[in-house]
Amino acid sequence: MVLHLLSIRIISFILMIGMVISTPSHISLIHTTYAKKNKSANNNVNNYGGSGDNNNIANQDQSNIAAINNKVVILTFGDIHKSQYMTAKPILDQYGFKGSFFVTCDMVGKDSQMDWQEIVTLYHEGHDIEAKSADDLIKLPADQLNFQVSQSKQCLLDHGINNPSTFAVPQGNAVDNSTVIESIARYFDFAINGFSPLMRLDCNNDHTGCAIYSDNGQLTNLNRYSIREWSHNANDKKYDYNSSAIFNKFIDVVDSQFKFNDNKNGIINAIPLIAYHSIDNDRTSSSTDIDLFAAEMKYLNDNGFKVLTMHDIGYDPNNNHLYVKAPNSQSIYPAF
């Protein structure tokens, strides 16, 4: 009997060693970082009344559950890289996330860009398809400027993509150019134009809000045609493609909304816009690492973020504030 029990223990020990040896050795530092950050994020729920323990979520009251889930983010994808369809889309699909894809019509089907079939498929699957021009708008004469902006919308309409609401300014360099902004305003409700971690729904101005001009006729620095986004590629380059460092920064950015948003009562005052281009491992100026992108989407999912699109954003002309149109969301300045 003693020998029999000893044999069982030896066999069990050998099996345990085999399991350890067979564990993949390529688990990257980013996933270790993710686990630490995810634990920290769960602990932060305590600030809004939650337990910080996912296993006990069923025992929390409804206000605590709402607090955990009432976090928002918008994911933008520029220049219709084919990797957005082939690589990013399956990862988004895994979590039911929808992105805002900005289409430059002159680029469709060229080189490593998406074709119209792929773009229309995104549209029919519920993704947001918006417009972008190819040229630097601030260098164009007025007639060419107006043509490019208007045709970027008409092109989408011609391919069955209805009601594009947002135009992306190449390089985000027209925040102080009233000619460009007025041209965009003729055809679109909003423009992504400039860079910042957060989009404030009051445009950080209690008086003029998101109006284009102030009471004295001056172009406002922040308005609905100078909505800022956080450039992932700028940080890919800044941190020399160090996935762990970039991942930490990503979490800091998406979590930075907490100091503006009343998560306990479901009021949204600020939204981070995260801007991607190509999702690949090529380390070019437009690249974001595939595993990094996957880890970022997992973080959003595991920590209860709602992923909105630009089509979920509205504008209230009565008080010049942006608001969230998405169901079950509320803005501090709702349009009703």
C-alpha atoms as a PDB file:
ATOM      1  CA  MET A   1       0.000   0.000   0.000  1.00  0.00           C
ATOM      2  CA  VAL A   2       2.790   2.431   0.889  1.00  0.00           C
ATOM      3  CA  LEU A   3       4.560   1.664  -2.357  1.00  0.00           C
ATOM      4  CA  HIS A   4       1.280   2.143  -4.253  1.00  0.00           C
ATOM      5  CA  LEU A   5       0.670   5.608  -2.723  1.00  0.00           C
ATOM      6  CA  LEU A   6       4.273   6.594  -3.320  1.00  0.00           C
ATOM      7  CA  SER A   7       3.954   5.598  -6.977  1.00  0.00           C
ATOM      8  CA  ILE A   8       0.823   7.745  -7.369  1.00  0.00           C
ATOM      9  CA  ARG A   9       2.579  10.760  -5.840  1.00  0.00           C
ATOM     10  CA  ILE A  10       5.616  10.310  -8.103  1.00  0.00           C
ATOM     11  CA  ILE A  11       3.386  10.083 -11.203  1.00  0.00           C
ATOM     12  CA  SER A  12       1.464  13.207 -10.152  1.00  0.00           C
ATOM     13  CA  PHE A  13       4.722  15.089  -9.610  1.00  0.00           C
ATOM     14  CA  ILE A  14       5.973  14.096 -13.066  1.00  0.00           C
ATOM     15  CA  LEU A  15       2.710  15.238 -14.668  1.00  0.00           C
ATOM     16  CA  MET A  16       2.947  18.629 -12.924  1.00  0.00           C
ATOM     17  CA  ILE A  17       6.498  19.102 -14.189  1.00  0.00           C
ATOM     18  CA  GLY A  18       5.324  18.214 -17.683  1.00  0.00           C
ATOM     19  CA  MET A  19       2.607  20.878 -17.536  1.00  0.00           C
ATOM     20  CA  VAL A  20       5.117  23.541 -16.482  1.00  0.00           C
ATOM     21  CA  ILE A  21       7.536  22.573 -19.228  1.00  0.00           C
ATOM     22  CA  SER A  22       4.772  22.600 -21.858  1.00  0.00           C
ATOM     23  CA  THR A  23       3.638  26.150 -20.970  1.00  0.00           C
ATOM     24  CA  PRO A  24       4.453  28.466 -23.899  1.00  0.00           C
ATOM     25  CA  SER A  25       7.586  30.457 -23.293  1.00  0.00           C
ATOM     26  CA  HIS A  26       6.605  33.348 -25.576  1.00  0.00           C
ATOM     27  CA  ILE A  27       4.271  35.063 -23.093  1.00  0.00           C
ATOM     28  CA  SER A  28       5.394  38.648 -23.460  1.00  0.00           C
ATOM     29  CA  LEU A  29       6.021  41.271 -20.831  1.00  0.00           C
ATOM     30  CA  ILE A  30       2.986  43.180 -22.070  1.00  0.00           C
ATOM     31  CA  HIS A  31       0.659  40.485 -20.721  1.00  0.00           C
ATOM     32  CA  THR A  32       2.362  40.657 -17.333  1.00  0.00           C
ATOM     33  CA  THR A  33       1.910  44.409 -17.427  1.00  0.00           C
ATOM     34  CA  TYR A  34      -1.712  43.933 -18.478  1.00  0.00           C
ATOM     35  CA  ALA A  35      -2.398  41.690 -15.487  1.00  0.00           C
ATOM     36  CA  LYS A  36      -0.948  44.251 -13.097  1.00  0.00           C
ATOM     37  CA  LYS A  37      -2.830  47.120 -14.691  1.00  0.00           C
ATOM     38  CA  ASN A  38      -6.049  45.114 -14.823  1.00  0.00           C
ATOM     39  CA  LYS A  39      -5.790  44.426 -11.083  1.00  0.00           C
ATOM     40  CA  SER A  40      -5.185  48.122 -10.495  1.00  0.00           C
ATOM     41  CA  ALA A  41      -8.197  49.048 -12.620  1.00  0.00           C
ATOM     42  CA  ASN A  42     -10.409  46.660 -10.698  1.00  0.00           C
ATOM     43  CA  ASN A  43      -9.207  48.198  -7.451  1.00  0.00           C
ATOM     44  CA  ASN A  44     -10.072  51.635  -8.818  1.00  0.00           C
ATOM     45  CA  VAL A  45     -13.702  50.545  -8.956  1.00  0.00           C
ATOM     46  CA  ASN A  46     -13.699  51.038  -5.203  1.00  0.00           C
ATOM     47  CA  ASN A  47     -13.654  54.779  -5.824  1.00  0.00           C
ATOM     48  CA  TYR A  48     -17.116  54.470  -7.377  1.00  0.00           C
ATOM     49  CA  GLY A  49     -18.645  52.041  -4.877  1.00  0.00           C
ATOM     50  CA  GLY A  50     -17.708  48.711  -6.467  1.00  0.00           C
ATOM     51  CA  SER A  51     -16.013  45.807  -4.734  1.00  0.00           C
ATOM     52  CA  GLY A  52     -13.012  45.523  -7.053  1.00  0.00           C
ATOM     53  CA  ASP A  53     -13.628  41.759  -7.164  1.00  0.00           C
ATOM     54  CA  ASN A  54     -14.994  40.427 -10.464  1.00  0.00           C
ATOM     55  CA  ASN A  55     -16.097  37.225  -8.746  1.00  0.00           C
ATOM     56  CA  ASN A  56     -18.505  39.223  -6.595  1.00  0.00           C
ATOM     57  CA  ILE A  57     -20.060  41.306  -9.369  1.00  0.00           C
ATOM     58  CA  ALA A  58     -23.304  39.370  -9.144  1.00  0.00           C
ATOM     59  CA  ASN A  59     -23.687  40.515  -5.544  1.00  0.00           C
ATOM     60  CA  GLN A  60     -23.259  44.215  -6.314  1.00  0.00           C
ATOM     61  CA  ASP A  61     -26.260  46.506  -6.538  1.00  0.00           C
ATOM     62  CA  GLN A  62     -27.286  47.997  -9.872  1.00  0.00           C
ATOM     63  CA  SER A  63     -25.656  51.374  -9.254  1.00  0.00           C
ATOM     64  CA  ASN A  64     -22.287  49.706  -8.753  1.00  0.00           C
ATOM     65  CA  ILE A  65     -22.680  47.645 -11.922  1.00  0.00           C
ATOM     66  CA  ALA A  66     -23.518  50.808 -13.841  1.00  0.00           C
ATOM     67  CA  ALA A  67     -20.445  52.485 -12.396  1.00  0.00           C
ATOM     68  CA  ILE A  68     -18.204  49.677 -13.598  1.00  0.00           C
ATOM     69  CA  ASN A  69     -19.630  49.690 -17.124  1.00  0.00           C
ATOM     70  CA  ASN A  70     -20.021  53.416 -17.686  1.00  0.00           C
ATOM     71  CA  LYS A  71     -16.653  54.040 -19.325  1.00  0.00           C
ATOM     72  CA  VAL A  72     -16.451  55.050 -22.960  1.00  0.00           C
ATOM     73  CA  VAL A  73     -13.930  55.215 -25.773  1.00  0.00           C
ATOM     74  CA  ILE A  74     -13.951  55.814 -29.539  1.00  0.00           C
ATOM     75  CA  LEU A  75     -11.567  53.877 -31.800  1.00  0.00           C
ATOM     76  CA  THR A  76     -10.627  55.559 -35.086  1.00  0.00           C
ATOM     77  CA  PHE A  77      -8.830  53.959 -38.020  1.00  0.00           C
ATOM     78  CA  GLY A  78      -7.236  56.133 -40.685  1.00  0.00           C
ATOM     79  CA  ASP A  79      -6.100  55.597 -44.278  1.00  0.00           C
ATOM     80  CA  ILE A  80      -7.985  52.283 -44.787  1.00  0.00           C
ATOM     81  CA  HIS A  81      -4.962  49.992 -44.404  1.00  0.00           C
ATOM     82  CA  LYS A  82      -5.922  46.436 -45.346  1.00  0.00           C
ATOM     83  CA  SER A  83      -4.604  45.243 -41.995  1.00  0.00           C
ATOM     84  CA  GLN A  84      -7.525  47.063 -40.407  1.00  0.00           C
ATOM     85  CA  TYR A  85      -9.831  44.595 -42.138  1.00  0.00           C
ATOM     86  CA  MET A  86      -7.661  41.477 -42.054  1.00  0.00           C
ATOM     87  CA  THR A  87      -6.143  41.866 -38.577  1.00  0.00           C
ATOM     88  CA  ALA A  88      -7.965  44.490 -36.493  1.00  0.00           C
ATOM     89  CA  LYS A  89     -11.512  43.524 -37.479  1.00  0.00           C
ATOM     90  CA  PRO A  90     -11.362  39.925 -36.137  1.00  0.00           C
ATOM     91  CA  ILE A  91     -10.068  41.263 -32.818  1.00  0.00           C
ATOM     92  CA  LEU A  92     -12.833  43.876 -32.693  1.00  0.00           C
ATOM     93  CA  ASP A  93     -15.378  41.198 -33.625  1.00  0.00           C
ATOM     94  CA  GLN A  94     -14.228  39.070 -30.704  1.00  0.00           C
ATOM     95  CA  TYR A  95     -15.559  41.699 -28.292  1.00  0.00           C
ATOM     96  CA  GLY A  96     -18.384  43.128 -30.396  1.00  0.00           C
ATOM     97  CA  PHE A  97     -16.552  46.454 -30.783  1.00  0.00           C
ATOM     98  CA  LYS A  98     -17.229  48.840 -33.668  1.00  0.00           C
ATOM     99  CA  GLY A  99     -14.715  51.327 -35.028  1.00  0.00           C
ATOM    100  CA  SER A 100     -14.859  54.584 -36.972  1.00  0.00           C
ATOM    101  CA  PHE A 101     -13.008  54.026 -40.261  1.00  0.00           C
ATOM    102  CA  PHE A 102     -11.952  57.118 -42.209  1.00  0.00           C
ATOM    103  CA  VAL A 103     -11.944  56.518 -45.952  1.00  0.00           C
ATOM    104  CA  THR A 104      -9.817  58.438 -48.425  1.00  0.00           C
ATOM    105  CA  CYS A 105     -11.597  57.552 -51.659  1.00  0.00           C
ATOM    106  CA  ASP A 106      -8.543  58.079 -53.885  1.00  0.00           C
ATOM    107  CA  MET A 107      -6.673  55.421 -51.892  1.00  0.00           C
ATOM    108  CA  VAL A 108      -9.296  52.656 -52.105  1.00  0.00           C
ATOM    109  CA  GLY A 109      -7.934  49.465 -53.680  1.00  0.00           C
ATOM    110  CA  LYS A 110      -4.385  50.767 -54.052  1.00  0.00           C
ATOM    111  CA  ASP A 111      -1.269  49.096 -52.681  1.00  0.00           C
ATOM    112  CA  SER A 112      -2.073  47.775 -49.192  1.00  0.00           C
ATOM    113  CA  GLN A 113      -5.385  49.622 -48.784  1.00  0.00           C
ATOM    114  CA  MET A 114      -8.863  48.137 -48.470  1.00  0.00           C
ATOM    115  CA  ASP A 115     -11.117  47.793 -51.504  1.00  0.00           C
ATOM    116  CA  TRP A 116     -14.740  48.889 -51.681  1.00  0.00           C
ATOM    117  CA  GLN A 117     -16.074  45.401 -50.964  1.00  0.00           C
ATOM    118  CA  GLU A 118     -14.200  45.344 -47.658  1.00  0.00           C
ATOM    119  CA  ILE A 119     -15.267  48.884 -46.755  1.00  0.00           C
ATOM    120  CA  VAL A 120     -18.919  48.189 -47.543  1.00  0.00           C
ATOM    121  CA  THR A 121     -18.717  44.955 -45.541  1.00  0.00           C
ATOM    122  CA  LEU A 122     -17.520  46.947 -42.535  1.00  0.00           C
ATOM    123  CA  TYR A 123     -20.436  49.329 -43.019  1.00  0.00           C
ATOM    124  CA  HIS A 124     -23.036  46.561 -43.227  1.00  0.00           C
ATOM    125  CA  GLU A 125     -21.598  44.926 -40.116  1.00  0.00           C
ATOM    126  CA  GLY A 126     -22.269  48.089 -38.127  1.00  0.00           C
ATOM    127  CA  HIS A 127     -18.936  49.864 -38.252  1.00  0.00           C
ATOM    128  CA  ASP A 128     -18.882  53.615 -38.755  1.00  0.00           C
ATOM    129  CA  ILE A 129     -17.559  54.780 -42.144  1.00  0.00           C
ATOM    130  CA  GLU A 130     -16.444  58.403 -42.306  1.00  0.00           C
ATOM    131  CA  ALA A 131     -14.487  60.631 -44.708  1.00  0.00           C
ATOM    132  CA  LYS A 132     -10.933  61.860 -45.097  1.00  0.00           C
ATOM    133  CA  SER A 133      -9.060  63.653 -47.858  1.00  0.00           C
ATOM    134  CA  ALA A 134      -5.643  62.817 -49.255  1.00  0.00           C
ATOM    135  CA  ASP A 135      -4.111  66.276 -49.578  1.00  0.00           C
ATOM    136  CA  ASP A 136      -2.928  68.798 -47.028  1.00  0.00           C
ATOM    137  CA  LEU A 137      -5.996  71.032 -46.946  1.00  0.00           C
ATOM    138  CA  ILE A 138      -4.311  74.163 -45.669  1.00  0.00           C
ATOM    139  CA  LYS A 139      -2.236  74.303 -48.868  1.00  0.00           C
ATOM    140  CA  LEU A 140      -5.178  74.122 -51.272  1.00  0.00           C
ATOM    141  CA  PRO A 141      -6.864  77.107 -52.974  1.00  0.00           C
ATOM    142  CA  ALA A 142     -10.490  77.635 -51.961  1.00  0.00           C
ATOM    143  CA  ASP A 143     -12.067  75.928 -54.987  1.00  0.00           C
ATOM    144  CA  GLN A 144      -9.940  72.779 -54.659  1.00  0.00           C
ATOM    145  CA  LEU A 145     -10.487  72.723 -50.912  1.00  0.00           C
ATOM    146  CA  ASN A 146     -14.247  72.816 -51.292  1.00  0.00           C
ATOM    147  CA  PHE A 147     -14.127  70.162 -54.030  1.00  0.00           C
ATOM    148  CA  GLN A 148     -12.059  67.734 -51.962  1.00  0.00           C
ATOM    149  CA  VAL A 149     -14.224  68.079 -48.884  1.00  0.00           C
ATOM    150  CA  SER A 150     -17.523  67.803 -50.760  1.00  0.00           C
ATOM    151  CA  GLN A 151     -16.409  64.900 -52.940  1.00  0.00           C
ATOM    152  CA  SER A 152     -15.122  62.941 -49.975  1.00  0.00           C
ATOM    153  CA  LYS A 153     -18.712  62.817 -48.738  1.00  0.00           C
ATOM    154  CA  GLN A 154     -20.329  62.280 -52.132  1.00  0.00           C
ATOM    155  CA  CYS A 155     -17.985  59.375 -52.804  1.00  0.00           C
ATOM    156  CA  LEU A 156     -19.241  57.540 -49.720  1.00  0.00           C
ATOM    157  CA  LEU A 157     -22.860  58.268 -50.604  1.00  0.00           C
ATOM    158  CA  ASP A 158     -22.265  56.884 -54.111  1.00  0.00           C
ATOM    159  CA  HIS A 159     -21.168  53.590 -52.555  1.00  0.00           C
ATOM    160  CA  GLY A 160     -24.260  53.257 -50.381  1.00  0.00           C
ATOM    161  CA  ILE A 161     -22.733  54.620 -47.181  1.00  0.00           C
ATOM    162  CA  ASN A 162     -25.357  56.938 -45.769  1.00  0.00           C
ATOM    163  CA  ASN A 163     -25.008  59.961 -43.516  1.00  0.00           C
ATOM    164  CA  PRO A 164     -21.268  60.286 -42.955  1.00  0.00           C
ATOM    165  CA  SER A 165     -21.026  62.846 -40.174  1.00  0.00           C
ATOM    166  CA  THR A 166     -17.311  63.346 -39.565  1.00  0.00           C
ATOM    167  CA  PHE A 167     -14.366  64.474 -41.660  1.00  0.00           C
ATOM    168  CA  ALA A 168     -10.756  63.767 -40.692  1.00  0.00           C
ATOM    169  CA  VAL A 169      -8.255  66.504 -41.487  1.00  0.00           C
ATOM    170  CA  PRO A 170      -4.956  65.023 -42.729  1.00  0.00           C
ATOM    171  CA  GLN A 171      -2.196  65.673 -40.197  1.00  0.00           C
ATOM    172  CA  GLY A 172      -4.736  67.408 -37.927  1.00  0.00           C
ATOM    173  CA  ASN A 173      -3.153  70.726 -38.801  1.00  0.00           C
ATOM    174  CA  ALA A 174      -6.136  73.023 -39.453  1.00  0.00           C
ATOM    175  CA  VAL A 175      -7.277  73.833 -35.926  1.00  0.00           C
ATOM    176  CA  ASP A 176      -6.572  77.541 -36.452  1.00  0.00           C
ATOM    177  CA  ASN A 177      -7.604  77.737 -40.113  1.00  0.00           C
ATOM    178  CA  SER A 178     -11.089  79.202 -40.450  1.00  0.00           C
ATOM    179  CA  THR A 179     -11.169  78.674 -44.245  1.00  0.00           C
ATOM    180  CA  VAL A 180     -10.700  74.909 -43.870  1.00  0.00           C
ATOM    181  CA  ILE A 181     -13.101  74.670 -40.948  1.00  0.00           C
ATOM    182  CA  GLU A 182     -15.842  76.611 -42.745  1.00  0.00           C
ATOM    183  CA  SER A 183     -15.463  74.388 -45.809  1.00  0.00           C
ATOM    184  CA  ILE A 184     -15.845  71.235 -43.713  1.00  0.00           C
ATOM    185  CA  ALA A 185     -18.824  72.743 -41.860  1.00  0.00           C
ATOM    186  CA  ARG A 186     -20.760  72.995 -45.147  1.00  0.00           C
ATOM    187  CA  TYR A 187     -20.885  69.219 -45.462  1.00  0.00           C
ATOM    188  CA  PHE A 188     -20.156  67.586 -42.101  1.00  0.00           C
ATOM    189  CA  ASP A 189     -21.260  67.822 -38.488  1.00  0.00           C
ATOM    190  CA  PHE A 190     -17.791  67.267 -37.023  1.00  0.00           C
ATOM    191  CA  ALA A 191     -14.110  67.123 -37.876  1.00  0.00           C
ATOM    192  CA  ILE A 192     -11.244  65.297 -36.210  1.00  0.00           C
ATOM    193  CA  ASN A 193      -8.569  67.926 -36.340  1.00  0.00           C
ATOM    194  CA  GLY A 194      -5.686  67.950 -33.850  1.00  0.00           C
ATOM    195  CA  PHE A 195      -4.327  65.800 -31.049  1.00  0.00           C
ATOM    196  CA  SER A 196      -5.149  65.407 -27.368  1.00  0.00           C
ATOM    197  CA  PRO A 197      -5.936  62.499 -25.017  1.00  0.00           C
ATOM    198  CA  LEU A 198      -9.588  63.506 -24.502  1.00  0.00           C
ATOM    199  CA  MET A 199     -12.541  64.989 -26.348  1.00  0.00           C
ATOM    200  CA  ARG A 200     -14.416  67.268 -23.934  1.00  0.00           C
ATOM    201  CA  LEU A 201     -18.123  67.438 -24.750  1.00  0.00           C
ATOM    202  CA  ASP A 202     -18.189  71.093 -23.752  1.00  0.00           C
ATOM    203  CA  CYS A 203     -14.992  71.706 -25.758  1.00  0.00           C
ATOM    204  CA  ASN A 204     -13.462  72.958 -22.500  1.00  0.00           C
ATOM    205  CA  ASN A 205     -15.348  76.240 -22.766  1.00  0.00           C
ATOM    206  CA  ASP A 206     -18.284  76.988 -20.490  1.00  0.00           C
ATOM    207  CA  HIS A 207     -19.276  80.087 -22.459  1.00  0.00           C
ATOM    208  CA  THR A 208     -19.018  79.329 -26.177  1.00  0.00           C
ATOM    209  CA  GLY A 209     -19.024  75.547 -25.873  1.00  0.00           C
ATOM    210  CA  CYS A 210     -18.216  73.890 -29.201  1.00  0.00           C
ATOM    211  CA  ALA A 211     -19.274  76.816 -31.401  1.00  0.00           C
ATOM    212  CA  ILE A 212     -16.876  77.712 -34.205  1.00  0.00           C
ATOM    213  CA  TYR A 213     -16.670  81.382 -33.292  1.00  0.00           C
ATOM    214  CA  SER A 214     -16.718  83.256 -30.007  1.00  0.00           C
ATOM    215  CA  ASP A 215     -19.039  86.176 -29.350  1.00  0.00           C
ATOM    216  CA  ASN A 216     -16.397  88.603 -30.645  1.00  0.00           C
ATOM    217  CA  GLY A 217     -16.049  86.723 -33.930  1.00  0.00           C
ATOM    218  CA  GLN A 218     -12.761  84.964 -33.157  1.00  0.00           C
ATOM    219  CA  LEU A 219     -12.211  81.359 -34.184  1.00  0.00           C
ATOM    220  CA  THR A 220     -12.379  79.219 -31.052  1.00  0.00           C
ATOM    221  CA  ASN A 221      -9.440  76.983 -30.272  1.00  0.00           C
ATOM    222  CA  LEU A 222     -11.681  74.012 -29.499  1.00  0.00           C
ATOM    223  CA  ASN A 223     -14.896  73.441 -31.422  1.00  0.00           C
ATOM    224  CA  ARG A 224     -16.787  70.649 -33.115  1.00  0.00           C
ATOM    225  CA  TYR A 225     -14.503  70.945 -36.139  1.00  0.00           C
ATOM    226  CA  SER A 226     -11.334  70.637 -34.084  1.00  0.00           C
ATOM    227  CA  ILE A 227     -12.067  67.444 -32.164  1.00  0.00           C
ATOM    228  CA  ARG A 228      -8.807  65.988 -30.906  1.00  0.00           C
ATOM    229  CA  GLU A 229      -7.676  62.373 -30.872  1.00  0.00           C
ATOM    230  CA  TRP A 230      -4.784  60.500 -29.241  1.00  0.00           C
ATOM    231  CA  SER A 231      -2.300  59.368 -31.876  1.00  0.00           C
ATOM    232  CA  HIS A 232      -1.258  55.799 -31.178  1.00  0.00           C
ATOM    233  CA  ASN A 233       1.449  55.980 -33.849  1.00  0.00           C
ATOM    234  CA  ALA A 234       3.035  59.040 -32.261  1.00  0.00           C
ATOM    235  CA  ASN A 235       3.393  57.026 -29.061  1.00  0.00           C
ATOM    236  CA  ASP A 236       4.541  53.892 -30.906  1.00  0.00           C
ATOM    237  CA  LYS A 237       7.413  56.010 -32.178  1.00  0.00           C
ATOM    238  CA  LYS A 238       7.945  57.926 -28.934  1.00  0.00           C
ATOM    239  CA  TYR A 239       8.405  54.726 -26.933  1.00  0.00           C
ATOM    240  CA  ASP A 240      10.412  53.017 -29.707  1.00  0.00           C
ATOM    241  CA  TYR A 241       7.745  50.322 -30.172  1.00  0.00           C
ATOM    242  CA  ASN A 242       8.146  49.135 -26.581  1.00  0.00           C
ATOM    243  CA  SER A 243       4.789  47.429 -26.157  1.00  0.00           C
ATOM    244  CA  SER A 244       4.793  47.476 -22.366  1.00  0.00           C
ATOM    245  CA  ALA A 245       5.488  51.210 -22.194  1.00  0.00           C
ATOM    246  CA  ILE A 246       2.886  51.995 -24.875  1.00  0.00           C
ATOM    247  CA  PHE A 247       0.327  49.777 -23.165  1.00  0.00           C
ATOM    248  CA  ASN A 248       0.820  51.623 -19.884  1.00  0.00           C
ATOM    249  CA  LYS A 249       0.315  54.936 -21.678  1.00  0.00           C
ATOM    250  CA  PHE A 250      -2.817  53.619 -23.416  1.00  0.00           C
ATOM    251  CA  ILE A 251      -4.330  52.723 -20.048  1.00  0.00           C
ATOM    252  CA  ASP A 252      -3.450  56.125 -18.621  1.00  0.00           C
ATOM    253  CA  VAL A 253      -5.207  57.804 -21.571  1.00  0.00           C
ATOM    254  CA  VAL A 254      -8.434  55.775 -21.555  1.00  0.00           C
ATOM    255  CA  ASP A 255      -8.639  56.030 -17.763  1.00  0.00           C
ATOM    256  CA  SER A 256      -8.029  59.795 -17.775  1.00  0.00           C
ATOM    257  CA  GLN A 257     -11.751  60.382 -18.427  1.00  0.00           C
ATOM    258  CA  PHE A 258     -12.589  59.398 -14.845  1.00  0.00           C
ATOM    259  CA  LYS A 259     -11.770  62.809 -13.406  1.00  0.00           C
ATOM    260  CA  PHE A 260     -14.328  64.398 -15.765  1.00  0.00           C
ATOM    261  CA  ASN A 261     -17.049  61.767 -15.937  1.00  0.00           C
ATOM    262  CA  ASP A 262     -19.548  61.091 -13.174  1.00  0.00           C
ATOM    263  CA  ASN A 263     -19.404  57.322 -13.479  1.00  0.00           C
ATOM    264  CA  LYS A 264     -21.683  56.761 -10.494  1.00  0.00           C
ATOM    265  CA  ASN A 265     -24.546  58.684 -12.100  1.00  0.00           C
ATOM    266  CA  GLY A 266     -23.740  57.791 -15.698  1.00  0.00           C
ATOM    267  CA  ILE A 267     -22.881  61.285 -16.916  1.00  0.00           C
ATOM    268  CA  ILE A 268     -20.280  61.541 -19.673  1.00  0.00           C
ATOM    269  CA  ASN A 269     -18.308  64.758 -20.068  1.00  0.00           C
ATOM    270  CA  ALA A 270     -15.153  63.532 -21.817  1.00  0.00           C
ATOM    271  CA  ILE A 271     -14.295  60.725 -24.236  1.00  0.00           C
ATOM    272  CA  PRO A 272     -10.865  59.473 -25.323  1.00  0.00           C
ATOM    273  CA  LEU A 273     -10.457  58.967 -29.081  1.00  0.00           C
ATOM    274  CA  ILE A 274      -7.719  56.437 -29.849  1.00  0.00           C
ATOM    275  CA  ALA A 275      -6.349  56.766 -33.396  1.00  0.00           C
ATOM    276  CA  TYR A 276      -4.896  53.741 -35.192  1.00  0.00           C
ATOM    277  CA  HIS A 277      -3.621  53.190 -38.707  1.00  0.00           C
ATOM    278  CA  SER A 278      -2.012  49.887 -39.675  1.00  0.00           C
ATOM    279  CA  ILE A 279      -2.147  46.935 -37.271  1.00  0.00           C
ATOM    280  CA  ASP A 280       0.998  44.985 -38.076  1.00  0.00           C
ATOM    281  CA  ASN A 281       4.446  44.101 -36.758  1.00  0.00           C
ATOM    282  CA  ASP A 282       6.408  46.031 -39.378  1.00  0.00           C
ATOM    283  CA  ARG A 283       7.350  48.963 -37.113  1.00  0.00           C
ATOM    284  CA  THR A 284       6.688  51.554 -39.776  1.00  0.00           C
ATOM    285  CA  SER A 285       5.447  55.085 -39.041  1.00  0.00           C
ATOM    286  CA  SER A 286       1.868  53.806 -39.276  1.00  0.00           C
ATOM    287  CA  SER A 287       2.302  50.507 -37.404  1.00  0.00           C
ATOM    288  CA  THR A 288       0.815  49.358 -34.125  1.00  0.00           C
ATOM    289  CA  ASP A 289       1.946  45.917 -32.989  1.00  0.00           C
ATOM    290  CA  ILE A 290      -0.696  43.186 -33.375  1.00  0.00           C
ATOM    291  CA  ASP A 291      -0.320  41.709 -29.872  1.00  0.00           C
ATOM    292  CA  LEU A 292      -0.380  45.196 -28.388  1.00  0.00           C
ATOM    293  CA  PHE A 293      -3.623  46.045 -30.192  1.00  0.00           C
ATOM    294  CA  ALA A 294      -5.136  42.749 -29.008  1.00  0.00           C
ATOM    295  CA  ALA A 295      -4.096  43.468 -25.411  1.00  0.00           C
ATOM    296  CA  GLU A 296      -5.590  46.958 -25.570  1.00  0.00           C
ATOM    297  CA  MET A 297      -8.924  45.640 -26.832  1.00  0.00           C
ATOM    298  CA  LYS A 298      -8.896  42.996 -24.108  1.00  0.00           C
ATOM    299  CA  TYR A 299      -8.277  45.677 -21.504  1.00  0.00           C
ATOM    300  CA  LEU A 300     -11.284  47.671 -22.746  1.00  0.00           C
ATOM    301  CA  ASN A 301     -13.471  44.581 -22.690  1.00  0.00           C
ATOM    302  CA  ASP A 302     -12.333  43.245 -19.330  1.00  0.00           C
ATOM    303  CA  ASN A 303     -12.752  46.631 -17.666  1.00  0.00           C
ATOM    304  CA  GLY A 304     -16.249  47.338 -18.930  1.00  0.00           C
ATOM    305  CA  PHE A 305     -15.636  50.092 -21.498  1.00  0.00           C
ATOM    306  CA  LYS A 306     -18.365  50.981 -23.981  1.00  0.00           C
ATOM    307  CA  VAL A 307     -16.843  51.419 -27.430  1.00  0.00           C
ATOM    308  CA  LEU A 308     -18.717  54.173 -29.270  1.00  0.00           C
ATOM    309  CA  THR A 309     -18.254  55.544 -32.782  1.00  0.00           C
ATOM    310  CA  MET A 310     -18.337  59.098 -34.107  1.00  0.00           C
ATOM    311  CA  HIS A 311     -21.833  58.354 -35.382  1.00  0.00           C
ATOM    312  CA  ASP A 312     -22.925  58.089 -31.738  1.00  0.00           C
ATOM    313  CA  ILE A 313     -21.980  61.736 -31.132  1.00  0.00           C
ATOM    314  CA  GLY A 314     -24.516  64.525 -31.585  1.00  0.00           C
ATOM    315  CA  TYR A 315     -24.456  68.297 -31.340  1.00  0.00           C
ATOM    316  CA  ASP A 316     -26.981  70.454 -29.478  1.00  0.00           C
ATOM    317  CA  PRO A 317     -27.097  73.916 -31.120  1.00  0.00           C
ATOM    318  CA  ASN A 318     -29.063  75.333 -28.207  1.00  0.00           C
ATOM    319  CA  ASN A 319     -26.085  75.173 -25.862  1.00  0.00           C
ATOM    320  CA  ASN A 320     -23.299  74.353 -28.354  1.00  0.00           C
ATOM    321  CA  HIS A 321     -22.351  71.123 -26.609  1.00  0.00           C
ATOM    322  CA  LEU A 322     -21.648  67.642 -27.900  1.00  0.00           C
ATOM    323  CA  TYR A 323     -23.572  64.725 -26.453  1.00  0.00           C
ATOM    324  CA  VAL A 324     -23.713  60.945 -26.699  1.00  0.00           C
ATOM    325  CA  LYS A 325     -26.602  59.612 -28.783  1.00  0.00           C
ATOM    326  CA  ALA A 326     -25.936  55.983 -27.923  1.00  0.00           C
ATOM    327  CA  PRO A 327     -28.768  54.157 -26.109  1.00  0.00           C
ATOM    328  CA  ASN A 328     -28.545  54.091 -22.323  1.00  0.00           C
ATOM    329  CA  SER A 329     -25.912  56.836 -22.316  1.00  0.00           C
ATOM    330  CA  GLN A 330     -26.374  60.303 -20.931  1.00  0.00           C
ATOM    331  CA  SER A 331     -24.467  63.537 -21.383  1.00  0.00           C
ATOM    332  CA  ILE A 332     -24.165  66.359 -18.942  1.00  0.00           C
ATOM    333  CA  TYR A 333     -25.734  68.403 -21.752  1.00  0.00           C
ATOM    334  CA  PRO A 334     -28.298  66.044 -23.295  1.00  0.00           C
ATOM    335  CA  ALA A 335     -30.099  67.242 -26.413  1.00  0.00           C
ATOM    336  CA  PHE A 336     -33.589  67.057 -24.944  1.00  0.00           C
END
